[in-house]
Amino acid sequence: MNIRTLSYLVVFLASSSALAETTFVIDAGSSGARLFEYQYHHDTSSNSGLPVIDEEVKHRNIKGGVHTIKEANLDTYLDSLFEETKTIPDHLYFYSTAGMCVFR
């Protein structure tokens, strides 16, 4: 391998890791909440630029829907989802289903 090829390889690997992102998704359902972590990069080899998932980690599953939690205890409920994580996400999404229709 010549120095030029090696240089291109280093630039490619550095730019690929620099483009990597982490997203957390909270799936808050009527029976409980689950925290998922996705590490991904955007496909730069095509014009689509769609994300390609490199790793998916399921961190926690808490029993009891978010609609059953009193507002004063909501911070504790959500903090318990993140107990096992060591990553600071680039993005955080909160998705809810039937449990939210009674949450007022």
C-alpha atoms as a PDB file:
ATOM      1  CA  MET A   1       0.000   0.000   0.000  1.00  0.00           C
ATOM      2  CA  ASN A   2       1.498   3.317  -1.006  1.00  0.00           C
ATOM      3  CA  ILE A   3       1.312   6.518   1.025  1.00  0.00           C
ATOM      4  CA  ARG A   4      -1.350   8.062  -1.202  1.00  0.00           C
ATOM      5  CA  THR A   5      -3.718   5.095  -0.738  1.00  0.00           C
ATOM      6  CA  LEU A   6      -3.045   5.093   2.989  1.00  0.00           C
ATOM      7  CA  SER A   7      -3.806   8.834   3.170  1.00  0.00           C
ATOM      8  CA  TYR A   8      -7.144   8.331   1.428  1.00  0.00           C
ATOM      9  CA  LEU A   9      -7.979   5.487   3.792  1.00  0.00           C
ATOM     10  CA  VAL A  10      -7.211   7.586   6.878  1.00  0.00           C
ATOM     11  CA  VAL A  11      -9.277  10.512   5.578  1.00  0.00           C
ATOM     12  CA  PHE A  12     -12.192   8.193   4.772  1.00  0.00           C
ATOM     13  CA  LEU A  13     -12.156   6.525   8.199  1.00  0.00           C
ATOM     14  CA  ALA A  14     -11.840   9.848  10.014  1.00  0.00           C
ATOM     15  CA  SER A  15     -14.671  11.425   8.038  1.00  0.00           C
ATOM     16  CA  SER A  16     -16.902   8.366   8.460  1.00  0.00           C
ATOM     17  CA  SER A  17     -16.535   8.354  12.234  1.00  0.00           C
ATOM     18  CA  ALA A  18     -17.022  12.119  12.357  1.00  0.00           C
ATOM     19  CA  LEU A  19     -20.364  11.672  10.605  1.00  0.00           C
ATOM     20  CA  ALA A  20     -21.584   9.032  13.071  1.00  0.00           C
ATOM     21  CA  GLU A  21     -24.502  10.051  15.255  1.00  0.00           C
ATOM     22  CA  THR A  22     -26.392   8.657  18.226  1.00  0.00           C
ATOM     23  CA  THR A  23     -30.142   8.881  18.710  1.00  0.00           C
ATOM     24  CA  PHE A  24     -32.200   7.774  21.697  1.00  0.00           C
ATOM     25  CA  VAL A  25     -35.818   6.761  21.197  1.00  0.00           C
ATOM     26  CA  ILE A  26     -38.240   6.484  24.114  1.00  0.00           C
ATOM     27  CA  ASP A  27     -41.153   4.215  23.252  1.00  0.00           C
ATOM     28  CA  ALA A  28     -43.769   5.179  25.839  1.00  0.00           C
ATOM     29  CA  GLY A  29     -46.687   2.789  25.651  1.00  0.00           C
ATOM     30  CA  SER A  30     -49.669   2.114  27.851  1.00  0.00           C
ATOM     31  CA  SER A  31     -47.943  -0.792  29.622  1.00  0.00           C
ATOM     32  CA  GLY A  32     -44.474   0.701  30.025  1.00  0.00           C
ATOM     33  CA  ALA A  33     -41.608   2.632  28.482  1.00  0.00           C
ATOM     34  CA  ARG A  34     -38.570   1.374  26.640  1.00  0.00           C
ATOM     35  CA  LEU A  35     -35.323   3.164  25.765  1.00  0.00           C
ATOM     36  CA  PHE A  36     -33.486   2.340  22.544  1.00  0.00           C
ATOM     37  CA  GLU A  37     -30.116   3.697  21.435  1.00  0.00           C
ATOM     38  CA  TYR A  38     -29.221   3.821  17.751  1.00  0.00           C
ATOM     39  CA  GLN A  39     -25.742   4.573  16.468  1.00  0.00           C
ATOM     40  CA  TYR A  40     -25.723   5.328  12.771  1.00  0.00           C
ATOM     41  CA  HIS A  41     -24.073   7.179   9.936  1.00  0.00           C
ATOM     42  CA  HIS A  42     -25.463   8.719   6.777  1.00  0.00           C
ATOM     43  CA  ASP A  43     -24.861   6.909   3.507  1.00  0.00           C
ATOM     44  CA  THR A  44     -22.678   9.307   1.571  1.00  0.00           C
ATOM     45  CA  SER A  45     -22.057   6.846  -1.261  1.00  0.00           C
ATOM     46  CA  SER A  46     -25.439   7.621  -2.805  1.00  0.00           C
ATOM     47  CA  ASN A  47     -27.600  10.694  -3.247  1.00  0.00           C
ATOM     48  CA  SER A  48     -30.176   9.415  -0.755  1.00  0.00           C
ATOM     49  CA  GLY A  49     -28.119  10.222   2.347  1.00  0.00           C
ATOM     50  CA  LEU A  50     -30.286   7.805   4.322  1.00  0.00           C
ATOM     51  CA  PRO A  51     -29.062   6.760   7.763  1.00  0.00           C
ATOM     52  CA  VAL A  52     -27.455   3.344   8.088  1.00  0.00           C
ATOM     53  CA  ILE A  53     -27.818   1.806  11.555  1.00  0.00           C
ATOM     54  CA  ASP A  54     -24.479   0.590  12.890  1.00  0.00           C
ATOM     55  CA  GLU A  55     -25.716  -0.567  16.293  1.00  0.00           C
ATOM     56  CA  GLU A  56     -29.008  -0.839  18.206  1.00  0.00           C
ATOM     57  CA  VAL A  57     -29.054  -1.194  21.984  1.00  0.00           C
ATOM     58  CA  LYS A  58     -32.155  -1.703  24.134  1.00  0.00           C
ATOM     59  CA  HIS A  59     -31.364  -0.198  27.525  1.00  0.00           C
ATOM     60  CA  ARG A  60     -34.384  -0.400  29.797  1.00  0.00           C
ATOM     61  CA  ASN A  61     -37.969  -1.529  29.986  1.00  0.00           C
ATOM     62  CA  ILE A  62     -40.016   0.097  32.760  1.00  0.00           C
ATOM     63  CA  LYS A  63     -43.393  -1.300  33.733  1.00  0.00           C
ATOM     64  CA  GLY A  64     -46.301   1.103  33.960  1.00  0.00           C
ATOM     65  CA  GLY A  65     -47.353   3.487  31.257  1.00  0.00           C
ATOM     66  CA  VAL A  66     -46.339   7.119  31.405  1.00  0.00           C
ATOM     67  CA  HIS A  67     -50.006   8.055  31.847  1.00  0.00           C
ATOM     68  CA  THR A  68     -49.981   6.322  35.270  1.00  0.00           C
ATOM     69  CA  ILE A  69     -47.151   8.525  36.590  1.00  0.00           C
ATOM     70  CA  LYS A  70     -47.963  11.624  38.620  1.00  0.00           C
ATOM     71  CA  GLU A  71     -46.444  14.806  37.224  1.00  0.00           C
ATOM     72  CA  ALA A  72     -44.273  15.233  40.343  1.00  0.00           C
ATOM     73  CA  ASN A  73     -42.695  11.794  39.680  1.00  0.00           C
ATOM     74  CA  LEU A  74     -42.176  12.173  35.925  1.00  0.00           C
ATOM     75  CA  ASP A  75     -38.495  13.189  36.258  1.00  0.00           C
ATOM     76  CA  THR A  76     -37.740  10.097  38.353  1.00  0.00           C
ATOM     77  CA  TYR A  77     -39.614   7.887  35.877  1.00  0.00           C
ATOM     78  CA  LEU A  78     -37.633   9.233  32.909  1.00  0.00           C
ATOM     79  CA  ASP A  79     -34.307   9.280  34.814  1.00  0.00           C
ATOM     80  CA  SER A  80     -34.696   5.557  35.528  1.00  0.00           C
ATOM     81  CA  LEU A  81     -34.826   4.912  31.777  1.00  0.00           C
ATOM     82  CA  PHE A  82     -31.364   6.452  31.361  1.00  0.00           C
ATOM     83  CA  GLU A  83     -29.621   4.704  34.309  1.00  0.00           C
ATOM     84  CA  GLU A  84     -27.616   2.314  32.109  1.00  0.00           C
ATOM     85  CA  THR A  85     -26.579   4.788  29.433  1.00  0.00           C
ATOM     86  CA  LYS A  86     -23.169   6.366  29.190  1.00  0.00           C
ATOM     87  CA  THR A  87     -23.757   8.115  25.880  1.00  0.00           C
ATOM     88  CA  ILE A  88     -24.959  11.653  25.341  1.00  0.00           C
ATOM     89  CA  PRO A  89     -27.238  11.480  22.316  1.00  0.00           C
ATOM     90  CA  ASP A  90     -27.253  13.844  19.377  1.00  0.00           C
ATOM     91  CA  HIS A  91     -31.040  13.435  19.180  1.00  0.00           C
ATOM     92  CA  LEU A  92     -33.814  12.284  21.529  1.00  0.00           C
ATOM     93  CA  TYR A  93     -37.276  11.260  20.356  1.00  0.00           C
ATOM     94  CA  PHE A  94     -40.277  10.533  22.563  1.00  0.00           C
ATOM     95  CA  TYR A  95     -42.906   8.360  20.908  1.00  0.00           C
ATOM     96  CA  SER A  96     -46.113   7.427  22.660  1.00  0.00           C
ATOM     97  CA  THR A  97     -49.098   5.277  21.878  1.00  0.00           C
ATOM     98  CA  ALA A  98     -52.419   4.586  23.571  1.00  0.00           C
ATOM     99  CA  GLY A  99     -51.150   5.535  27.037  1.00  0.00           C
ATOM    100  CA  MET A 100     -50.956   9.185  26.073  1.00  0.00           C
ATOM    101  CA  CYS A 101     -54.626   9.531  25.128  1.00  0.00           C
ATOM    102  CA  VAL A 102     -55.557   9.595  28.842  1.00  0.00           C
ATOM    103  CA  PHE A 103     -52.574  11.768  29.867  1.00  0.00           C
ATOM    104  CA  ARG A 104     -53.872  15.303  30.474  1.00  0.00           C
END
